[in-house]
Amino acid sequence: AKAKGESIDRLTMILEAYQKREFEEKWS
């Protein structure tokens, strides 16, 4: 999504979903 230039809201939604399962420094 980031490479395709999708919206910040879309990128945020994806990382929030990831962070609910894993809390990694890089992605946080």
PDB file of all heavy atoms in Angstrom:
ATOM      1  N   ALA A   1       0.829  -1.210   0.000  1.00  0.00           N
ATOM      2  CA  ALA A   1       0.000   0.000   0.000  1.00  0.00           C
ATOM      3  C   ALA A   1       0.865   1.264   0.000  1.00  0.00           C
ATOM      4  O   ALA A   1       0.573   2.223  -0.715  1.00  0.00           O
ATOM      5  CB  ALA A   1      -0.931  -0.012   1.211  1.00  0.00           C
ATOM      6  N   LYS A   2       1.935   1.245   0.772  1.00  0.00           N
ATOM      7  CA  LYS A   2       2.825   2.407   0.840  1.00  0.00           C
ATOM      8  C   LYS A   2       3.505   2.639  -0.513  1.00  0.00           C
ATOM      9  O   LYS A   2       3.573   3.769  -0.998  1.00  0.00           O
ATOM     10  CB  LYS A   2       3.876   2.201   1.932  1.00  0.00           C
ATOM     11  CG  LYS A   2       4.797   3.382   2.117  1.00  0.00           C
ATOM     12  CD  LYS A   2       5.786   3.136   3.244  1.00  0.00           C
ATOM     13  CE  LYS A   2       6.746   4.304   3.401  1.00  0.00           C
ATOM     14  NZ  LYS A   2       7.722   4.049   4.457  1.00  0.00           N
ATOM     15  N   ALA A   3       3.983   1.568  -1.133  1.00  0.00           N
ATOM     16  CA  ALA A   3       4.649   1.685  -2.430  1.00  0.00           C
ATOM     17  C   ALA A   3       3.673   2.149  -3.514  1.00  0.00           C
ATOM     18  O   ALA A   3       4.074   2.849  -4.451  1.00  0.00           O
ATOM     19  CB  ALA A   3       5.287   0.353  -2.816  1.00  0.00           C
ATOM     20  N   LYS A   4       2.410   1.795  -3.373  1.00  0.00           N
ATOM     21  CA  LYS A   4       1.402   2.215  -4.346  1.00  0.00           C
ATOM     22  C   LYS A   4       0.950   3.651  -4.105  1.00  0.00           C
ATOM     23  O   LYS A   4       0.218   4.211  -4.911  1.00  0.00           O
ATOM     24  CB  LYS A   4       0.186   1.277  -4.285  1.00  0.00           C
ATOM     25  CG  LYS A   4       0.456  -0.087  -4.890  1.00  0.00           C
ATOM     26  CD  LYS A   4      -0.663  -1.070  -4.623  1.00  0.00           C
ATOM     27  CE  LYS A   4      -1.915  -0.791  -5.361  1.00  0.00           C
ATOM     28  NZ  LYS A   4      -2.940  -1.846  -5.159  1.00  0.00           N
ATOM     29  N   GLY A   5       1.366   4.231  -2.982  1.00  0.00           N
ATOM     30  CA  GLY A   5       1.005   5.617  -2.679  1.00  0.00           C
ATOM     31  C   GLY A   5      -0.409   5.778  -2.147  1.00  0.00           C
ATOM     32  O   GLY A   5      -1.043   6.819  -2.359  1.00  0.00           O
ATOM     33  N   GLU A   6      -0.878   4.766  -1.434  1.00  0.00           N
ATOM     34  CA  GLU A   6      -2.231   4.848  -0.880  1.00  0.00           C
ATOM     35  C   GLU A   6      -2.291   5.894   0.234  1.00  0.00           C
ATOM     36  O   GLU A   6      -1.270   6.344   0.743  1.00  0.00           O
ATOM     37  CB  GLU A   6      -2.685   3.471  -0.399  1.00  0.00           C
ATOM     38  CG  GLU A   6      -2.889   2.510  -1.558  1.00  0.00           C
ATOM     39  CD  GLU A   6      -3.630   1.242  -1.193  1.00  0.00           C
ATOM     40  OE1 GLU A   6      -4.291   1.209  -0.140  1.00  0.00           O
ATOM     41  OE2 GLU A   6      -3.543   0.286  -1.972  1.00  0.00           O
ATOM     42  N   SER A   7      -3.487   6.251   0.630  1.00  0.00           N
ATOM     43  CA  SER A   7      -3.704   7.349   1.574  1.00  0.00           C
ATOM     44  C   SER A   7      -3.121   7.047   2.952  1.00  0.00           C
ATOM     45  O   SER A   7      -2.965   5.884   3.349  1.00  0.00           O
ATOM     46  CB  SER A   7      -5.200   7.626   1.714  1.00  0.00           C
ATOM     47  OG  SER A   7      -5.832   6.580   2.442  1.00  0.00           O
ATOM     48  N   ILE A   8      -2.843   8.109   3.683  1.00  0.00           N
ATOM     49  CA  ILE A   8      -2.331   7.979   5.049  1.00  0.00           C
ATOM     50  C   ILE A   8      -3.344   7.237   5.914  1.00  0.00           C
ATOM     51  O   ILE A   8      -2.967   6.426   6.761  1.00  0.00           O
ATOM     52  CB  ILE A   8      -1.989   9.362   5.650  1.00  0.00           C
ATOM     53  CG1 ILE A   8      -0.755   9.925   4.942  1.00  0.00           C
ATOM     54  CG2 ILE A   8      -1.756   9.276   7.150  1.00  0.00           C
ATOM     55  CD1 ILE A   8      -0.362  11.318   5.389  1.00  0.00           C
ATOM     56  N   ASP A   9      -4.626   7.492   5.697  1.00  0.00           N
ATOM     57  CA  ASP A   9      -5.664   6.807   6.478  1.00  0.00           C
ATOM     58  C   ASP A   9      -5.612   5.299   6.257  1.00  0.00           C
ATOM     59  O   ASP A   9      -5.725   4.523   7.207  1.00  0.00           O
ATOM     60  CB  ASP A   9      -7.055   7.335   6.121  1.00  0.00           C
ATOM     61  CG  ASP A   9      -7.288   8.749   6.628  1.00  0.00           C
ATOM     62  OD1 ASP A   9      -6.592   9.171   7.582  1.00  0.00           O
ATOM     63  OD2 ASP A   9      -8.165   9.437   6.061  1.00  0.00           O
ATOM     64  N   ARG A  10      -5.424   4.881   5.012  1.00  0.00           N
ATOM     65  CA  ARG A  10      -5.339   3.446   4.693  1.00  0.00           C
ATOM     66  C   ARG A  10      -4.104   2.829   5.335  1.00  0.00           C
ATOM     67  O   ARG A  10      -4.165   1.751   5.938  1.00  0.00           O
ATOM     68  CB  ARG A  10      -5.320   3.254   3.171  1.00  0.00           C
ATOM     69  CG  ARG A  10      -5.034   1.846   2.715  1.00  0.00           C
ATOM     70  CD  ARG A  10      -6.262   0.982   2.758  1.00  0.00           C
ATOM     71  NE  ARG A  10      -5.943  -0.313   2.156  1.00  0.00           N
ATOM     72  CZ  ARG A  10      -6.169  -1.465   2.742  1.00  0.00           C
ATOM     73  NH1 ARG A  10      -6.774  -1.516   3.906  1.00  0.00           N
ATOM     74  NH2 ARG A  10      -5.828  -2.594   2.165  1.00  0.00           N
ATOM     75  N   LEU A  11      -2.971   3.516   5.215  1.00  0.00           N
ATOM     76  CA  LEU A  11      -1.722   3.022   5.808  1.00  0.00           C
ATOM     77  C   LEU A  11      -1.850   2.924   7.326  1.00  0.00           C
ATOM     78  O   LEU A  11      -1.409   1.943   7.936  1.00  0.00           O
ATOM     79  CB  LEU A  11      -0.558   3.936   5.430  1.00  0.00           C
ATOM     80  CG  LEU A  11      -0.236   4.053   3.935  1.00  0.00           C
ATOM     81  CD1 LEU A  11       0.848   5.089   3.697  1.00  0.00           C
ATOM     82  CD2 LEU A  11       0.151   2.706   3.346  1.00  0.00           C
ATOM     83  N   THR A  12      -2.462   3.938   7.915  1.00  0.00           N
ATOM     84  CA  THR A  12      -2.666   3.958   9.366  1.00  0.00           C
ATOM     85  C   THR A  12      -3.532   2.780   9.804  1.00  0.00           C
ATOM     86  O   THR A  12      -3.219   2.094  10.785  1.00  0.00           O
ATOM     87  CB  THR A  12      -3.324   5.285   9.803  1.00  0.00           C
ATOM     88  OG1 THR A  12      -2.478   6.365   9.403  1.00  0.00           O
ATOM     89  CG2 THR A  12      -3.542   5.343  11.296  1.00  0.00           C
ATOM     90  N   MET A  13      -4.593   2.534   9.063  1.00  0.00           N
ATOM     91  CA  MET A  13      -5.507   1.441   9.396  1.00  0.00           C
ATOM     92  C   MET A  13      -4.773   0.092   9.394  1.00  0.00           C
ATOM     93  O   MET A  13      -4.962  -0.735  10.290  1.00  0.00           O
ATOM     94  CB  MET A  13      -6.667   1.412   8.400  1.00  0.00           C
ATOM     95  CG  MET A  13      -7.729   0.385   8.694  1.00  0.00           C
ATOM     96  SD  MET A  13      -9.041   0.373   7.467  1.00  0.00           S
ATOM     97  CE  MET A  13      -8.206  -0.427   6.106  1.00  0.00           C
ATOM     98  N   ILE A  14      -3.923  -0.104   8.401  1.00  0.00           N
ATOM     99  CA  ILE A  14      -3.185  -1.370   8.297  1.00  0.00           C
ATOM    100  C   ILE A  14      -2.246  -1.538   9.481  1.00  0.00           C
ATOM    101  O   ILE A  14      -2.204  -2.591  10.123  1.00  0.00           O
ATOM    102  CB  ILE A  14      -2.407  -1.448   6.965  1.00  0.00           C
ATOM    103  CG1 ILE A  14      -3.376  -1.477   5.773  1.00  0.00           C
ATOM    104  CG2 ILE A  14      -1.499  -2.681   6.952  1.00  0.00           C
ATOM    105  CD1 ILE A  14      -2.695  -1.260   4.426  1.00  0.00           C
ATOM    106  N   LEU A  15      -1.469  -0.483   9.793  1.00  0.00           N
ATOM    107  CA  LEU A  15      -0.510  -0.591  10.909  1.00  0.00           C
ATOM    108  C   LEU A  15      -1.205  -0.688  12.264  1.00  0.00           C
ATOM    109  O   LEU A  15      -0.690  -1.344  13.171  1.00  0.00           O
ATOM    110  CB  LEU A  15       0.482   0.566  10.887  1.00  0.00           C
ATOM    111  CG  LEU A  15       1.580   0.475   9.844  1.00  0.00           C
ATOM    112  CD1 LEU A  15       2.577   1.622   9.997  1.00  0.00           C
ATOM    113  CD2 LEU A  15       2.315  -0.860   9.909  1.00  0.00           C
ATOM    114  N   GLU A  16      -2.353  -0.056  12.410  1.00  0.00           N
ATOM    115  CA  GLU A  16      -3.098  -0.189  13.667  1.00  0.00           C
ATOM    116  C   GLU A  16      -3.549  -1.640  13.853  1.00  0.00           C
ATOM    117  O   GLU A  16      -3.468  -2.181  14.973  1.00  0.00           O
ATOM    118  CB  GLU A  16      -4.310   0.748  13.670  1.00  0.00           C
ATOM    119  CG  GLU A  16      -3.947   2.191  13.904  1.00  0.00           C
ATOM    120  CD  GLU A  16      -5.133   3.140  13.762  1.00  0.00           C
ATOM    121  OE1 GLU A  16      -6.165   2.771  13.138  1.00  0.00           O
ATOM    122  OE2 GLU A  16      -5.028   4.265  14.265  1.00  0.00           O
ATOM    123  N   ALA A  17      -3.999  -2.264  12.772  1.00  0.00           N
ATOM    124  CA  ALA A  17      -4.400  -3.678  12.846  1.00  0.00           C
ATOM    125  C   ALA A  17      -3.200  -4.551  13.214  1.00  0.00           C
ATOM    126  O   ALA A  17      -3.318  -5.485  14.024  1.00  0.00           O
ATOM    127  CB  ALA A  17      -4.999  -4.129  11.521  1.00  0.00           C
ATOM    128  N   TYR A  18      -2.044  -4.242  12.634  1.00  0.00           N
ATOM    129  CA  TYR A  18      -0.835  -5.002  12.959  1.00  0.00           C
ATOM    130  C   TYR A  18      -0.450  -4.789  14.422  1.00  0.00           C
ATOM    131  O   TYR A  18      -0.103  -5.741  15.125  1.00  0.00           O
ATOM    132  CB  TYR A  18       0.323  -4.593  12.037  1.00  0.00           C
ATOM    133  CG  TYR A  18       1.603  -5.313  12.351  1.00  0.00           C
ATOM    134  CD1 TYR A  18       1.755  -6.659  12.047  1.00  0.00           C
ATOM    135  CD2 TYR A  18       2.658  -4.662  12.982  1.00  0.00           C
ATOM    136  CE1 TYR A  18       2.921  -7.340  12.355  1.00  0.00           C
ATOM    137  CE2 TYR A  18       3.832  -5.335  13.284  1.00  0.00           C
ATOM    138  CZ  TYR A  18       3.956  -6.667  12.967  1.00  0.00           C
ATOM    139  OH  TYR A  18       5.112  -7.339  13.281  1.00  0.00           O
ATOM    140  N   GLN A  19      -0.513  -3.555  14.868  1.00  0.00           N
ATOM    141  CA  GLN A  19      -0.086  -3.245  16.232  1.00  0.00           C
ATOM    142  C   GLN A  19      -0.983  -3.896  17.289  1.00  0.00           C
ATOM    143  O   GLN A  19      -0.533  -4.158  18.400  1.00  0.00           O
ATOM    144  CB  GLN A  19      -0.033  -1.741  16.449  1.00  0.00           C
ATOM    145  CG  GLN A  19       0.642  -1.380  17.752  1.00  0.00           C
ATOM    146  CD  GLN A  19       0.942   0.086  17.858  1.00  0.00           C
ATOM    147  OE1 GLN A  19       0.616   0.863  16.984  1.00  0.00           O
ATOM    148  NE2 GLN A  19       1.556   0.468  18.945  1.00  0.00           N
ATOM    149  N   LYS A  20      -2.220  -4.179  16.948  1.00  0.00           N
ATOM    150  CA  LYS A  20      -3.099  -4.876  17.889  1.00  0.00           C
ATOM    151  C   LYS A  20      -2.602  -6.297  18.153  1.00  0.00           C
ATOM    152  O   LYS A  20      -2.864  -6.862  19.198  1.00  0.00           O
ATOM    153  CB  LYS A  20      -4.532  -4.922  17.353  1.00  0.00           C
ATOM    154  CG  LYS A  20      -5.244  -3.595  17.436  1.00  0.00           C
ATOM    155  CD  LYS A  20      -6.641  -3.682  16.864  1.00  0.00           C
ATOM    156  CE  LYS A  20      -7.293  -2.306  16.882  1.00  0.00           C
ATOM    157  NZ  LYS A  20      -8.586  -2.301  16.199  1.00  0.00           N
ATOM    158  N   ARG A  21      -1.865  -6.861  17.167  1.00  0.00           N
ATOM    159  CA  ARG A  21      -1.371  -8.228  17.298  1.00  0.00           C
ATOM    160  C   ARG A  21       0.089  -8.291  17.718  1.00  0.00           C
ATOM    161  O   ARG A  21       0.508  -9.214  18.393  1.00  0.00           O
ATOM    162  CB  ARG A  21      -1.571  -8.967  15.977  1.00  0.00           C
ATOM    163  CG  ARG A  21      -3.050  -8.929  15.570  1.00  0.00           C
ATOM    164  CD  ARG A  21      -3.289  -9.596  14.283  1.00  0.00           C
ATOM    165  NE  ARG A  21      -3.776 -10.927  14.587  1.00  0.00           N
ATOM    166  CZ  ARG A  21      -3.716 -11.927  13.760  1.00  0.00           C
ATOM    167  NH1 ARG A  21      -3.188 -11.772  12.579  1.00  0.00           N
ATOM    168  NH2 ARG A  21      -4.185 -13.097  14.096  1.00  0.00           N
ATOM    169  N   GLU A  22       0.889  -7.328  17.250  1.00  0.00           N
ATOM    170  CA  GLU A  22       2.330  -7.292  17.535  1.00  0.00           C
ATOM    171  C   GLU A  22       2.707  -5.850  17.862  1.00  0.00           C
ATOM    172  O   GLU A  22       2.221  -4.933  17.214  1.00  0.00           O
ATOM    173  CB  GLU A  22       3.141  -7.736  16.303  1.00  0.00           C
ATOM    174  CG  GLU A  22       2.873  -9.138  15.840  1.00  0.00           C
ATOM    175  CD  GLU A  22       3.503 -10.194  16.710  1.00  0.00           C
ATOM    176  OE1 GLU A  22       4.583  -9.936  17.268  1.00  0.00           O
ATOM    177  OE2 GLU A  22       2.909 -11.280  16.833  1.00  0.00           O
ATOM    178  N   PHE A  23       3.589  -5.683  18.810  1.00  0.00           N
ATOM    179  CA  PHE A  23       4.064  -4.333  19.127  1.00  0.00           C
ATOM    180  C   PHE A  23       5.567  -4.305  18.887  1.00  0.00           C
ATOM    181  O   PHE A  23       6.351  -4.693  19.751  1.00  0.00           O
ATOM    182  CB  PHE A  23       3.739  -3.959  20.581  1.00  0.00           C
ATOM    183  CG  PHE A  23       3.945  -2.500  20.880  1.00  0.00           C
ATOM    184  CD1 PHE A  23       2.978  -1.571  20.544  1.00  0.00           C
ATOM    185  CD2 PHE A  23       5.117  -2.066  21.473  1.00  0.00           C
ATOM    186  CE1 PHE A  23       3.158  -0.217  20.815  1.00  0.00           C
ATOM    187  CE2 PHE A  23       5.320  -0.714  21.743  1.00  0.00           C
ATOM    188  CZ  PHE A  23       4.339   0.205  21.418  1.00  0.00           C
ATOM    189  N   GLU A  24       5.944  -3.908  17.677  1.00  0.00           N
ATOM    190  CA  GLU A  24       7.350  -3.842  17.301  1.00  0.00           C
ATOM    191  C   GLU A  24       7.753  -2.385  17.173  1.00  0.00           C
ATOM    192  O   GLU A  24       7.001  -1.569  16.644  1.00  0.00           O
ATOM    193  CB  GLU A  24       7.599  -4.554  15.982  1.00  0.00           C
ATOM    194  CG  GLU A  24       7.447  -6.047  16.057  1.00  0.00           C
ATOM    195  CD  GLU A  24       7.768  -6.709  14.730  1.00  0.00           C
ATOM    196  OE1 GLU A  24       8.651  -6.217  14.013  1.00  0.00           O
ATOM    197  OE2 GLU A  24       7.114  -7.716  14.427  1.00  0.00           O
ATOM    198  N   GLU A  25       8.962  -2.095  17.597  1.00  0.00           N
ATOM    199  CA  GLU A  25       9.453  -0.722  17.596  1.00  0.00           C
ATOM    200  C   GLU A  25       9.386  -0.084  16.206  1.00  0.00           C
ATOM    201  O   GLU A  25       8.900   1.037  16.048  1.00  0.00           O
ATOM    202  CB  GLU A  25      10.884  -0.703  18.124  1.00  0.00           C
ATOM    203  CG  GLU A  25      11.471   0.674  18.277  1.00  0.00           C
ATOM    204  CD  GLU A  25      12.855   0.655  18.894  1.00  0.00           C
ATOM    205  OE1 GLU A  25      13.503  -0.406  18.915  1.00  0.00           O
ATOM    206  OE2 GLU A  25      13.287   1.712  19.346  1.00  0.00           O
ATOM    207  N   LYS A  26       9.874  -0.792  15.203  1.00  0.00           N
ATOM    208  CA  LYS A  26       9.930  -0.233  13.846  1.00  0.00           C
ATOM    209  C   LYS A  26       8.548   0.183  13.351  1.00  0.00           C
ATOM    210  O   LYS A  26       8.361   1.295  12.853  1.00  0.00           O
ATOM    211  CB  LYS A  26      10.538  -1.262  12.885  1.00  0.00           C
ATOM    212  CG  LYS A  26      10.534  -0.815  11.442  1.00  0.00           C
ATOM    213  CD  LYS A  26      11.079  -1.874  10.516  1.00  0.00           C
ATOM    214  CE  LYS A  26      11.024  -1.369   9.073  1.00  0.00           C
ATOM    215  NZ  LYS A  26      11.594  -2.322   8.141  1.00  0.00           N
ATOM    216  N   TRP A  27       7.577  -0.709  13.488  1.00  0.00           N
ATOM    217  CA  TRP A  27       6.254  -0.427  12.943  1.00  0.00           C
ATOM    218  C   TRP A  27       5.471   0.529  13.830  1.00  0.00           C
ATOM    219  O   TRP A  27       4.624   1.290  13.339  1.00  0.00           O
ATOM    220  CB  TRP A  27       5.506  -1.726  12.676  1.00  0.00           C
ATOM    221  CG  TRP A  27       6.262  -2.548  11.686  1.00  0.00           C
ATOM    222  CD1 TRP A  27       6.892  -3.736  11.910  1.00  0.00           C
ATOM    223  CD2 TRP A  27       6.558  -2.190  10.329  1.00  0.00           C
ATOM    224  NE1 TRP A  27       7.541  -4.149  10.779  1.00  0.00           N
ATOM    225  CE2 TRP A  27       7.359  -3.223   9.780  1.00  0.00           C
ATOM    226  CE3 TRP A  27       6.227  -1.116   9.513  1.00  0.00           C
ATOM    227  CZ2 TRP A  27       7.816  -3.198   8.475  1.00  0.00           C
ATOM    228  CZ3 TRP A  27       6.681  -1.097   8.215  1.00  0.00           C
ATOM    229  CH2 TRP A  27       7.470  -2.123   7.701  1.00  0.00           C
ATOM    230  N   SER A  28       5.767   0.532  15.118  1.00  0.00           N
ATOM    231  CA  SER A  28       5.134   1.508  16.006  1.00  0.00           C
ATOM    232  C   SER A  28       5.618   2.916  15.670  1.00  0.00           C
ATOM    233  O   SER A  28       4.837   3.867  15.627  1.00  0.00           O
ATOM    234  CB  SER A  28       5.449   1.184  17.471  1.00  0.00           C
ATOM    235  OG  SER A  28       4.895  -0.059  17.813  1.00  0.00           O
TER     236      SER A  28
END
